[in-house]
Amino acid sequence: MVIELTAKAVEKVKEIIARQDPKPQGLRVAVVGGGCSGFSYQMNFENESNGIDKVYEFDGLKVFVDQASLMYLNGTKIDYLETLEGSGFKFENPNVKTTCGCGSSFSA
């Protein structure tokens, strides 16, 4: 599998989706150009696949990944962390060569 979402990440996404009206069909995970190191992660709610997406399912949660992002996300694990410093989604990507100082972008 190209990407993996931990149980905690799936639970948090489902919790957020449950509060939306209308409810989205799933989560889109993508890599987009930008940030100080060249690429950054993007997560958005989606109502349907664009027809060429790779669609993964984690405990009933659909996750859409576009073809261009697949090569950058291969082997990536997405977790949700809650710490004293804050909470958010964490990407563990084995393809990342360098990250910027703030940690929000990377190069592959």
PDB file of N, CA and C in Angstrom:
ATOM      1  N   MET A   1       0.839  -1.179   0.000  1.00  0.00           N
ATOM      2  CA  MET A   1       0.000   0.000   0.000  1.00  0.00           C
ATOM      3  C   MET A   1       0.887   1.248   0.000  1.00  0.00           C
ATOM      4  N   VAL A   2       0.534   2.208  -0.807  1.00  0.00           N
ATOM      5  CA  VAL A   2       1.336   3.420  -0.940  1.00  0.00           C
ATOM      6  C   VAL A   2       1.321   4.244   0.340  1.00  0.00           C
ATOM      7  N   ILE A   3       0.133   4.432   0.934  1.00  0.00           N
ATOM      8  CA  ILE A   3       0.061   5.206   2.169  1.00  0.00           C
ATOM      9  C   ILE A   3      -0.631   4.392   3.256  1.00  0.00           C
ATOM     10  N   GLU A   4      -0.369   4.798   4.489  1.00  0.00           N
ATOM     11  CA  GLU A   4      -0.991   4.154   5.636  1.00  0.00           C
ATOM     12  C   GLU A   4      -1.482   5.252   6.572  1.00  0.00           C
ATOM     13  N   LEU A   5      -2.683   5.126   7.071  1.00  0.00           N
ATOM     14  CA  LEU A   5      -3.203   6.016   8.102  1.00  0.00           C
ATOM     15  C   LEU A   5      -3.327   5.216   9.378  1.00  0.00           C
ATOM     16  N   THR A   6      -2.810   5.763  10.478  1.00  0.00           N
ATOM     17  CA  THR A   6      -2.943   5.072  11.752  1.00  0.00           C
ATOM     18  C   THR A   6      -4.403   5.121  12.197  1.00  0.00           C
ATOM     19  N   ALA A   7      -4.740   4.271  13.146  1.00  0.00           N
ATOM     20  CA  ALA A   7      -6.108   4.242  13.676  1.00  0.00           C
ATOM     21  C   ALA A   7      -6.490   5.602  14.259  1.00  0.00           C
ATOM     22  N   LYS A   8      -5.540   6.266  14.903  1.00  0.00           N
ATOM     23  CA  LYS A   8      -5.811   7.576  15.500  1.00  0.00           C
ATOM     24  C   LYS A   8      -6.094   8.625  14.421  1.00  0.00           C
ATOM     25  N   ALA A   9      -5.350   8.578  13.313  1.00  0.00           N
ATOM     26  CA  ALA A   9      -5.577   9.518  12.207  1.00  0.00           C
ATOM     27  C   ALA A   9      -6.945   9.274  11.575  1.00  0.00           C
ATOM     28  N   VAL A  10      -7.292   8.013  11.353  1.00  0.00           N
ATOM     29  CA  VAL A  10      -8.595   7.668  10.772  1.00  0.00           C
ATOM     30  C   VAL A  10      -9.717   8.153  11.682  1.00  0.00           C
ATOM     31  N   GLU A  11      -9.571   7.920  12.969  1.00  0.00           N
ATOM     32  CA  GLU A  11     -10.585   8.331  13.945  1.00  0.00           C
ATOM     33  C   GLU A  11     -10.783   9.856  13.911  1.00  0.00           C
ATOM     34  N   LYS A  12      -9.684  10.617  13.848  1.00  0.00           N
ATOM     35  CA  LYS A  12      -9.781  12.075  13.840  1.00  0.00           C
ATOM     36  C   LYS A  12     -10.442  12.579  12.558  1.00  0.00           C
ATOM     37  N   VAL A  13     -10.064  12.021  11.412  1.00  0.00           N
ATOM     38  CA  VAL A  13     -10.673  12.438  10.144  1.00  0.00           C
ATOM     39  C   VAL A  13     -12.165  12.134  10.152  1.00  0.00           C
ATOM     40  N   LYS A  14     -12.543  10.945  10.619  1.00  0.00           N
ATOM     41  CA  LYS A  14     -13.964  10.582  10.683  1.00  0.00           C
ATOM     42  C   LYS A  14     -14.726  11.528  11.609  1.00  0.00           C
ATOM     43  N   GLU A  15     -14.098  11.918  12.703  1.00  0.00           N
ATOM     44  CA  GLU A  15     -14.713  12.850  13.650  1.00  0.00           C
ATOM     45  C   GLU A  15     -14.973  14.202  12.978  1.00  0.00           C
ATOM     46  N   ILE A  16     -14.010  14.684  12.204  1.00  0.00           N
ATOM     47  CA  ILE A  16     -14.164  15.967  11.501  1.00  0.00           C
ATOM     48  C   ILE A  16     -15.233  15.857  10.419  1.00  0.00           C
ATOM     49  N   ILE A  17     -15.219  14.759   9.670  1.00  0.00           N
ATOM     50  CA  ILE A  17     -16.214  14.548   8.608  1.00  0.00           C
ATOM     51  C   ILE A  17     -17.631  14.522   9.193  1.00  0.00           C
ATOM     52  N   ALA A  18     -17.790  13.902  10.356  1.00  0.00           N
ATOM     53  CA  ALA A  18     -19.114  13.780  10.982  1.00  0.00           C
ATOM     54  C   ALA A  18     -19.720  15.149  11.299  1.00  0.00           C
ATOM     55  N   ARG A  19     -18.874  16.166  11.470  1.00  0.00           N
ATOM     56  CA  ARG A  19     -19.371  17.510  11.795  1.00  0.00           C
ATOM     57  C   ARG A  19     -19.665  18.344  10.549  1.00  0.00           C
ATOM     58  N   GLN A  20     -19.360  17.828   9.358  1.00  0.00           N
ATOM     59  CA  GLN A  20     -19.566  18.578   8.121  1.00  0.00           C
ATOM     60  C   GLN A  20     -20.992  18.393   7.608  1.00  0.00           C
ATOM     61  N   ASP A  21     -21.515  19.425   6.953  1.00  0.00           N
ATOM     62  CA  ASP A  21     -22.829  19.325   6.322  1.00  0.00           C
ATOM     63  C   ASP A  21     -22.799  20.099   5.012  1.00  0.00           C
ATOM     64  N   PRO A  22     -22.902  19.456   3.880  1.00  0.00           N
ATOM     65  CA  PRO A  22     -23.073  18.007   3.694  1.00  0.00           C
ATOM     66  C   PRO A  22     -21.769  17.255   3.977  1.00  0.00           C
ATOM     67  N   LYS A  23     -21.929  15.976   4.275  1.00  0.00           N
ATOM     68  CA  LYS A  23     -20.763  15.151   4.603  1.00  0.00           C
ATOM     69  C   LYS A  23     -19.975  14.825   3.340  1.00  0.00           C
ATOM     70  N   PRO A  24     -18.660  15.066   3.374  1.00  0.00           N
ATOM     71  CA  PRO A  24     -17.827  14.651   2.243  1.00  0.00           C
ATOM     72  C   PRO A  24     -17.724  13.126   2.181  1.00  0.00           C
ATOM     73  N   GLN A  25     -17.359  12.619   1.017  1.00  0.00           N
ATOM     74  CA  GLN A  25     -17.223  11.174   0.826  1.00  0.00           C
ATOM     75  C   GLN A  25     -15.904  10.634   1.341  1.00  0.00           C
ATOM     76  N   GLY A  26     -14.895  11.508   1.449  1.00  0.00           N
ATOM     77  CA  GLY A  26     -13.596  11.028   1.909  1.00  0.00           C
ATOM     78  C   GLY A  26     -12.583  12.140   2.011  1.00  0.00           C
ATOM     79  N   LEU A  27     -11.338  11.743   2.121  1.00  0.00           N
ATOM     80  CA  LEU A  27     -10.214  12.649   2.316  1.00  0.00           C
ATOM     81  C   LEU A  27      -9.269  12.566   1.121  1.00  0.00           C
ATOM     82  N   ARG A  28      -8.862  13.711   0.604  1.00  0.00           N
ATOM     83  CA  ARG A  28      -7.840  13.750  -0.442  1.00  0.00           C
ATOM     84  C   ARG A  28      -6.508  14.106   0.202  1.00  0.00           C
ATOM     85  N   VAL A  29      -5.489  13.283  -0.080  1.00  0.00           N
ATOM     86  CA  VAL A  29      -4.126  13.550   0.372  1.00  0.00           C
ATOM     87  C   VAL A  29      -3.290  13.783  -0.877  1.00  0.00           C
ATOM     88  N   ALA A  30      -2.569  14.906  -0.901  1.00  0.00           N
ATOM     89  CA  ALA A  30      -1.797  15.258  -2.091  1.00  0.00           C
ATOM     90  C   ALA A  30      -0.468  15.901  -1.709  1.00  0.00           C
ATOM     91  N   VAL A  31       0.425  15.892  -2.665  1.00  0.00           N
ATOM     92  CA  VAL A  31       1.688  16.630  -2.564  1.00  0.00           C
ATOM     93  C   VAL A  31       1.599  17.730  -3.601  1.00  0.00           C
ATOM     94  N   VAL A  32       1.835  18.967  -3.165  1.00  0.00           N
ATOM     95  CA  VAL A  32       1.762  20.109  -4.070  1.00  0.00           C
ATOM     96  C   VAL A  32       3.075  20.879  -4.025  1.00  0.00           C
ATOM     97  N   GLY A  33       3.368  21.578  -5.106  1.00  0.00           N
ATOM     98  CA  GLY A  33       4.553  22.408  -5.145  1.00  0.00           C
ATOM     99  C   GLY A  33       4.380  23.593  -4.224  1.00  0.00           C
ATOM    100  N   GLY A  34       5.465  23.977  -3.559  1.00  0.00           N
ATOM    101  CA  GLY A  34       5.401  25.132  -2.680  1.00  0.00           C
ATOM    102  C   GLY A  34       6.151  24.905  -1.392  1.00  0.00           C
ATOM    103  N   GLY A  35       6.213  25.927  -0.592  1.00  0.00           N
ATOM    104  CA  GLY A  35       6.959  25.843   0.659  1.00  0.00           C
ATOM    105  C   GLY A  35       8.428  26.103   0.415  1.00  0.00           C
ATOM    106  N   CYS A  36       9.177  26.289   1.481  1.00  0.00           N
ATOM    107  CA  CYS A  36      10.595  26.648   1.338  1.00  0.00           C
ATOM    108  C   CYS A  36      11.459  25.523   0.777  1.00  0.00           C
ATOM    109  N   SER A  37      11.018  24.278   0.883  1.00  0.00           N
ATOM    110  CA  SER A  37      11.834  23.164   0.393  1.00  0.00           C
ATOM    111  C   SER A  37      11.345  22.568  -0.917  1.00  0.00           C
ATOM    112  N   GLY A  38      10.263  23.068  -1.476  1.00  0.00           N
ATOM    113  CA  GLY A  38       9.829  22.598  -2.788  1.00  0.00           C
ATOM    114  C   GLY A  38       8.475  21.937  -2.843  1.00  0.00           C
ATOM    115  N   PHE A  39       8.127  21.119  -1.839  1.00  0.00           N
ATOM    116  CA  PHE A  39       6.852  20.415  -1.827  1.00  0.00           C
ATOM    117  C   PHE A  39       6.212  20.530  -0.457  1.00  0.00           C
ATOM    118  N   SER A  40       4.888  20.438  -0.430  1.00  0.00           N
ATOM    119  CA  SER A  40       4.190  20.380   0.848  1.00  0.00           C
ATOM    120  C   SER A  40       3.000  19.435   0.721  1.00  0.00           C
ATOM    121  N   TYR A  41       2.528  18.978   1.871  1.00  0.00           N
ATOM    122  CA  TYR A  41       1.385  18.070   1.913  1.00  0.00           C
ATOM    123  C   TYR A  41       0.103  18.880   1.939  1.00  0.00           C
ATOM    124  N   GLN A  42      -0.936  18.304   1.352  1.00  0.00           N
ATOM    125  CA  GLN A  42      -2.240  18.950   1.364  1.00  0.00           C
ATOM    126  C   GLN A  42      -3.289  17.892   1.685  1.00  0.00           C
ATOM    127  N   MET A  43      -4.202  18.242   2.588  1.00  0.00           N
ATOM    128  CA  MET A  43      -5.304  17.354   2.942  1.00  0.00           C
ATOM    129  C   MET A  43      -6.593  18.152   2.798  1.00  0.00           C
ATOM    130  N   ASN A  44      -7.534  17.622   2.005  1.00  0.00           N
ATOM    131  CA  ASN A  44      -8.829  18.272   1.788  1.00  0.00           C
ATOM    132  C   ASN A  44      -9.921  17.215   1.803  1.00  0.00           C
ATOM    133  N   PHE A  45     -11.123  17.648   2.122  1.00  0.00           N
ATOM    134  CA  PHE A  45     -12.249  16.735   2.008  1.00  0.00           C
ATOM    135  C   PHE A  45     -12.728  16.729   0.573  1.00  0.00           C
ATOM    136  N   GLU A  46     -13.214  15.574   0.134  1.00  0.00           N
ATOM    137  CA  GLU A  46     -13.575  15.376  -1.270  1.00  0.00           C
ATOM    138  C   GLU A  46     -14.922  14.675  -1.348  1.00  0.00           C
ATOM    139  N   ASN A  47     -15.689  15.031  -2.379  1.00  0.00           N
ATOM    140  CA  ASN A  47     -16.982  14.382  -2.566  1.00  0.00           C
ATOM    141  C   ASN A  47     -16.927  13.179  -3.487  1.00  0.00           C
ATOM    142  N   GLU A  48     -15.928  13.128  -4.383  1.00  0.00           N
ATOM    143  CA  GLU A  48     -15.821  11.970  -5.259  1.00  0.00           C
ATOM    144  C   GLU A  48     -14.438  11.899  -5.879  1.00  0.00           C
ATOM    145  N   SER A  49     -14.111  10.729  -6.357  1.00  0.00           N
ATOM    146  CA  SER A  49     -12.856  10.519  -7.070  1.00  0.00           C
ATOM    147  C   SER A  49     -12.940  11.202  -8.423  1.00  0.00           C
ATOM    148  N   ASN A  50     -11.807  11.646  -8.933  1.00  0.00           N
ATOM    149  CA  ASN A  50     -11.807  12.258 -10.265  1.00  0.00           C
ATOM    150  C   ASN A  50     -11.711  11.211 -11.372  1.00  0.00           C
ATOM    151  N   GLY A  51     -11.786   9.945 -11.007  1.00  0.00           N
ATOM    152  CA  GLY A  51     -11.773   8.872 -11.998  1.00  0.00           C
ATOM    153  C   GLY A  51     -10.405   8.256 -12.224  1.00  0.00           C
ATOM    154  N   ILE A  52      -9.338   9.013 -11.962  1.00  0.00           N
ATOM    155  CA  ILE A  52      -7.990   8.452 -12.120  1.00  0.00           C
ATOM    156  C   ILE A  52      -7.240   8.403 -10.790  1.00  0.00           C
ATOM    157  N   ASP A  53      -7.923   8.761  -9.708  1.00  0.00           N
ATOM    158  CA  ASP A  53      -7.326   8.681  -8.376  1.00  0.00           C
ATOM    159  C   ASP A  53      -7.114   7.229  -7.980  1.00  0.00           C
ATOM    160  N   LYS A  54      -6.151   7.013  -7.122  1.00  0.00           N
ATOM    161  CA  LYS A  54      -6.031   5.746  -6.417  1.00  0.00           C
ATOM    162  C   LYS A  54      -6.854   5.937  -5.154  1.00  0.00           C
ATOM    163  N   VAL A  55      -7.774   5.023  -4.875  1.00  0.00           N
ATOM    164  CA  VAL A  55      -8.651   5.148  -3.722  1.00  0.00           C
ATOM    165  C   VAL A  55      -8.312   4.046  -2.720  1.00  0.00           C
ATOM    166  N   TYR A  56      -7.989   4.462  -1.495  1.00  0.00           N
ATOM    167  CA  TYR A  56      -7.693   3.539  -0.413  1.00  0.00           C
ATOM    168  C   TYR A  56      -8.832   3.618   0.590  1.00  0.00           C
ATOM    169  N   GLU A  57      -9.007   2.557   1.365  1.00  0.00           N
ATOM    170  CA  GLU A  57     -10.033   2.576   2.392  1.00  0.00           C
ATOM    171  C   GLU A  57      -9.433   2.106   3.707  1.00  0.00           C
ATOM    172  N   PHE A  58      -9.664   2.907   4.747  1.00  0.00           N
ATOM    173  CA  PHE A  58      -9.178   2.603   6.085  1.00  0.00           C
ATOM    174  C   PHE A  58     -10.367   2.640   7.034  1.00  0.00           C
ATOM    175  N   ASP A  59     -10.802   1.478   7.490  1.00  0.00           N
ATOM    176  CA  ASP A  59     -11.915   1.369   8.429  1.00  0.00           C
ATOM    177  C   ASP A  59     -13.113   2.205   7.975  1.00  0.00           C
ATOM    178  N   GLY A  60     -13.463   2.098   6.698  1.00  0.00           N
ATOM    179  CA  GLY A  60     -14.615   2.803   6.151  1.00  0.00           C
ATOM    180  C   GLY A  60     -14.338   4.217   5.660  1.00  0.00           C
ATOM    181  N   LEU A  61     -13.129   4.728   5.885  1.00  0.00           N
ATOM    182  CA  LEU A  61     -12.754   6.064   5.414  1.00  0.00           C
ATOM    183  C   LEU A  61     -12.086   5.948   4.042  1.00  0.00           C
ATOM    184  N   LYS A  62     -12.648   6.626   3.041  1.00  0.00           N
ATOM    185  CA  LYS A  62     -12.036   6.640   1.715  1.00  0.00           C
ATOM    186  C   LYS A  62     -10.971   7.730   1.662  1.00  0.00           C
ATOM    187  N   VAL A  63      -9.811   7.370   1.112  1.00  0.00           N
ATOM    188  CA  VAL A  63      -8.708   8.311   0.946  1.00  0.00           C
ATOM    189  C   VAL A  63      -8.332   8.328  -0.530  1.00  0.00           C
ATOM    190  N   PHE A  64      -8.415   9.510  -1.137  1.00  0.00           N
ATOM    191  CA  PHE A  64      -8.123   9.691  -2.556  1.00  0.00           C
ATOM    192  C   PHE A  64      -6.716  10.262  -2.721  1.00  0.00           C
ATOM    193  N   VAL A  65      -5.940   9.669  -3.644  1.00  0.00           N
ATOM    194  CA  VAL A  65      -4.593  10.163  -3.939  1.00  0.00           C
ATOM    195  C   VAL A  65      -4.469  10.285  -5.453  1.00  0.00           C
ATOM    196  N   ASP A  66      -4.093  11.480  -5.925  1.00  0.00           N
ATOM    197  CA  ASP A  66      -3.941  11.673  -7.365  1.00  0.00           C
ATOM    198  C   ASP A  66      -2.668  11.002  -7.866  1.00  0.00           C
ATOM    199  N   GLN A  67      -2.619  10.752  -9.170  1.00  0.00           N
ATOM    200  CA  GLN A  67      -1.506  10.021  -9.784  1.00  0.00           C
ATOM    201  C   GLN A  67      -0.150  10.700  -9.552  1.00  0.00           C
ATOM    202  N   ALA A  68      -0.103  12.021  -9.646  1.00  0.00           N
ATOM    203  CA  ALA A  68       1.169  12.735  -9.487  1.00  0.00           C
ATOM    204  C   ALA A  68       1.705  12.623  -8.063  1.00  0.00           C
ATOM    205  N   SER A  69       0.814  12.575  -7.087  1.00  0.00           N
ATOM    206  CA  SER A  69       1.243  12.508  -5.683  1.00  0.00           C
ATOM    207  C   SER A  69       1.707  11.119  -5.267  1.00  0.00           C
ATOM    208  N   LEU A  70       1.261  10.096  -6.000  1.00  0.00           N
ATOM    209  CA  LEU A  70       1.584   8.718  -5.614  1.00  0.00           C
ATOM    210  C   LEU A  70       3.084   8.482  -5.464  1.00  0.00           C
ATOM    211  N   MET A  71       3.886   9.007  -6.393  1.00  0.00           N
ATOM    212  CA  MET A  71       5.326   8.728  -6.328  1.00  0.00           C
ATOM    213  C   MET A  71       5.995   9.402  -5.136  1.00  0.00           C
ATOM    214  N   TYR A  72       5.438  10.512  -4.658  1.00  0.00           N
ATOM    215  CA  TYR A  72       6.010  11.199  -3.500  1.00  0.00           C
ATOM    216  C   TYR A  72       5.516  10.631  -2.177  1.00  0.00           C
ATOM    217  N   LEU A  73       4.382   9.945  -2.208  1.00  0.00           N
ATOM    218  CA  LEU A  73       3.773   9.428  -0.981  1.00  0.00           C
ATOM    219  C   LEU A  73       4.040   7.945  -0.741  1.00  0.00           C
ATOM    220  N   ASN A  74       4.760   7.284  -1.635  1.00  0.00           N
ATOM    221  CA  ASN A  74       4.997   5.852  -1.518  1.00  0.00           C
ATOM    222  C   ASN A  74       5.653   5.508  -0.181  1.00  0.00           C
ATOM    223  N   GLY A  75       4.959   4.712   0.628  1.00  0.00           N
ATOM    224  CA  GLY A  75       5.479   4.292   1.921  1.00  0.00           C
ATOM    225  C   GLY A  75       5.193   5.259   3.060  1.00  0.00           C
ATOM    226  N   THR A  76       4.403   6.293   2.810  1.00  0.00           N
ATOM    227  CA  THR A  76       4.130   7.317   3.816  1.00  0.00           C
ATOM    228  C   THR A  76       3.105   6.838   4.849  1.00  0.00           C
ATOM    229  N   LYS A  77       3.401   7.143   6.097  1.00  0.00           N
ATOM    230  CA  LYS A  77       2.488   6.846   7.213  1.00  0.00           C
ATOM    231  C   LYS A  77       1.988   8.179   7.757  1.00  0.00           C
ATOM    232  N   ILE A  78       0.657   8.304   7.900  1.00  0.00           N
ATOM    233  CA  ILE A  78       0.051   9.524   8.431  1.00  0.00           C
ATOM    234  C   ILE A  78      -0.533   9.205   9.795  1.00  0.00           C
ATOM    235  N   ASP A  79      -0.120   9.983  10.777  1.00  0.00           N
ATOM    236  CA  ASP A  79      -0.585   9.785  12.145  1.00  0.00           C
ATOM    237  C   ASP A  79      -1.216  11.083  12.638  1.00  0.00           C
ATOM    238  N   TYR A  80      -1.956  11.009  13.717  1.00  0.00           N
ATOM    239  CA  TYR A  80      -2.503  12.206  14.356  1.00  0.00           C
ATOM    240  C   TYR A  80      -1.941  12.255  15.765  1.00  0.00           C
ATOM    241  N   LEU A  81      -1.301  13.382  16.113  1.00  0.00           N
ATOM    242  CA  LEU A  81      -0.657  13.519  17.412  1.00  0.00           C
ATOM    243  C   LEU A  81      -1.301  14.633  18.215  1.00  0.00           C
ATOM    244  N   GLU A  82      -1.400  14.422  19.507  1.00  0.00           N
ATOM    245  CA  GLU A  82      -1.834  15.455  20.442  1.00  0.00           C
ATOM    246  C   GLU A  82      -0.759  15.560  21.503  1.00  0.00           C
ATOM    247  N   THR A  83      -0.085  16.721  21.547  1.00  0.00           N
ATOM    248  CA  THR A  83       0.978  16.947  22.521  1.00  0.00           C
ATOM    249  C   THR A  83       0.737  18.269  23.235  1.00  0.00           C
ATOM    250  N   LEU A  84       1.583  18.592  24.189  1.00  0.00           N
ATOM    251  CA  LEU A  84       1.474  19.865  24.892  1.00  0.00           C
ATOM    252  C   LEU A  84       1.705  21.044  23.948  1.00  0.00           C
ATOM    253  N   GLU A  85       2.520  20.825  22.918  1.00  0.00           N
ATOM    254  CA  GLU A  85       2.822  21.893  21.953  1.00  0.00           C
ATOM    255  C   GLU A  85       1.688  22.114  20.955  1.00  0.00           C
ATOM    256  N   GLY A  86       0.793  21.168  20.837  1.00  0.00           N
ATOM    257  CA  GLY A  86      -0.309  21.294  19.888  1.00  0.00           C
ATOM    258  C   GLY A  86      -0.705  19.945  19.334  1.00  0.00           C
ATOM    259  N   SER A  87      -1.629  19.969  18.394  1.00  0.00           N
ATOM    260  CA  SER A  87      -2.081  18.721  17.790  1.00  0.00           C
ATOM    261  C   SER A  87      -2.127  18.886  16.280  1.00  0.00           C
ATOM    262  N   GLY A  88      -2.036  17.758  15.583  1.00  0.00           N
ATOM    263  CA  GLY A  88      -2.104  17.805  14.136  1.00  0.00           C
ATOM    264  C   GLY A  88      -1.676  16.501  13.510  1.00  0.00           C
ATOM    265  N   PHE A  89      -1.771  16.470  12.189  1.00  0.00           N
ATOM    266  CA  PHE A  89      -1.399  15.282  11.434  1.00  0.00           C
ATOM    267  C   PHE A  89       0.094  15.304  11.163  1.00  0.00           C
ATOM    268  N   LYS A  90       0.726  14.139  11.307  1.00  0.00           N
ATOM    269  CA  LYS A  90       2.163  14.017  11.082  1.00  0.00           C
ATOM    270  C   LYS A  90       2.399  13.022   9.953  1.00  0.00           C
ATOM    271  N   PHE A  91       3.201  13.439   8.974  1.00  0.00           N
ATOM    272  CA  PHE A  91       3.560  12.595   7.844  1.00  0.00           C
ATOM    273  C   PHE A  91       4.945  12.018   8.075  1.00  0.00           C
ATOM    274  N   GLU A  92       5.055  10.692   8.029  1.00  0.00           N
ATOM    275  CA  GLU A  92       6.350  10.013   8.083  1.00  0.00           C
ATOM    276  C   GLU A  92       6.595   9.455   6.693  1.00  0.00           C
ATOM    277  N   ASN A  93       7.412  10.177   5.917  1.00  0.00           N
ATOM    278  CA  ASN A  93       7.614   9.861   4.506  1.00  0.00           C
ATOM    279  C   ASN A  93       9.055   9.439   4.266  1.00  0.00           C
ATOM    280  N   PRO A  94       9.287   8.178   3.866  1.00  0.00           N
ATOM    281  CA  PRO A  94      10.652   7.705   3.638  1.00  0.00           C
ATOM    282  C   PRO A  94      11.318   8.316   2.401  1.00  0.00           C
ATOM    283  N   ASN A  95      10.562   9.009   1.558  1.00  0.00           N
ATOM    284  CA  ASN A  95      11.108   9.608   0.343  1.00  0.00           C
ATOM    285  C   ASN A  95      11.690  10.996   0.563  1.00  0.00           C
ATOM    286  N   VAL A  96      11.474  11.573   1.733  1.00  0.00           N
ATOM    287  CA  VAL A  96      11.922  12.932   2.012  1.00  0.00           C
ATOM    288  C   VAL A  96      13.430  12.953   2.220  1.00  0.00           C
ATOM    289  N   LYS A  97      14.099  13.830   1.465  1.00  0.00           N
ATOM    290  CA  LYS A  97      15.548  13.992   1.606  1.00  0.00           C
ATOM    291  C   LYS A  97      15.864  15.114   2.586  1.00  0.00           C
ATOM    292  N   THR A  98      15.155  16.240   2.492  1.00  0.00           N
ATOM    293  CA  THR A  98      15.362  17.359   3.419  1.00  0.00           C
ATOM    294  C   THR A  98      14.015  18.013   3.711  1.00  0.00           C
ATOM    295  N   THR A  99      13.942  18.651   4.875  1.00  0.00           N
ATOM    296  CA  THR A  99      12.759  19.430   5.230  1.00  0.00           C
ATOM    297  C   THR A  99      13.210  20.842   5.566  1.00  0.00           C
ATOM    298  N   CYS A 100      12.259  21.755   5.534  1.00  0.00           N
ATOM    299  CA  CYS A 100      12.590  23.127   5.907  1.00  0.00           C
ATOM    300  C   CYS A 100      12.639  23.248   7.429  1.00  0.00           C
ATOM    301  N   GLY A 101      13.098  24.357   7.910  1.00  0.00           N
ATOM    302  CA  GLY A 101      13.218  24.569   9.351  1.00  0.00           C
ATOM    303  C   GLY A 101      11.899  24.483  10.086  1.00  0.00           C
ATOM    304  N   CYS A 102      10.819  24.929   9.458  1.00  0.00           N
ATOM    305  CA  CYS A 102       9.514  24.904  10.121  1.00  0.00           C
ATOM    306  C   CYS A 102       8.842  23.546   9.994  1.00  0.00           C
ATOM    307  N   GLY A 103       9.370  22.676   9.127  1.00  0.00           N
ATOM    308  CA  GLY A 103       8.825  21.331   8.989  1.00  0.00           C
ATOM    309  C   GLY A 103       7.574  21.206   8.142  1.00  0.00           C
ATOM    310  N   SER A 104       7.181  22.281   7.472  1.00  0.00           N
ATOM    311  CA  SER A 104       5.933  22.208   6.691  1.00  0.00           C
ATOM    312  C   SER A 104       6.162  21.888   5.229  1.00  0.00           C
ATOM    313  N   SER A 105       7.389  21.836   4.781  1.00  0.00           N
ATOM    314  CA  SER A 105       7.641  21.464   3.387  1.00  0.00           C
ATOM    315  C   SER A 105       8.878  20.563   3.315  1.00  0.00           C
ATOM    316  N   PHE A 106       9.074  19.938   2.134  1.00  0.00           N
ATOM    317  CA  PHE A 106      10.155  18.970   2.003  1.00  0.00           C
ATOM    318  C   PHE A 106      10.646  18.930   0.561  1.00  0.00           C
ATOM    319  N   SER A 107      11.780  18.266   0.373  1.00  0.00           N
ATOM    320  CA  SER A 107      12.249  17.960  -0.974  1.00  0.00           C
ATOM    321  C   SER A 107      12.462  16.465  -1.048  1.00  0.00           C
ATOM    322  N   ALA A 108      12.270  15.916  -2.254  1.00  0.00           N
ATOM    323  CA  ALA A 108      12.370  14.475  -2.425  1.00  0.00           C
ATOM    324  C   ALA A 108      13.457  14.126  -3.418  1.00  0.00           C
TER     325      ALA A 108
END
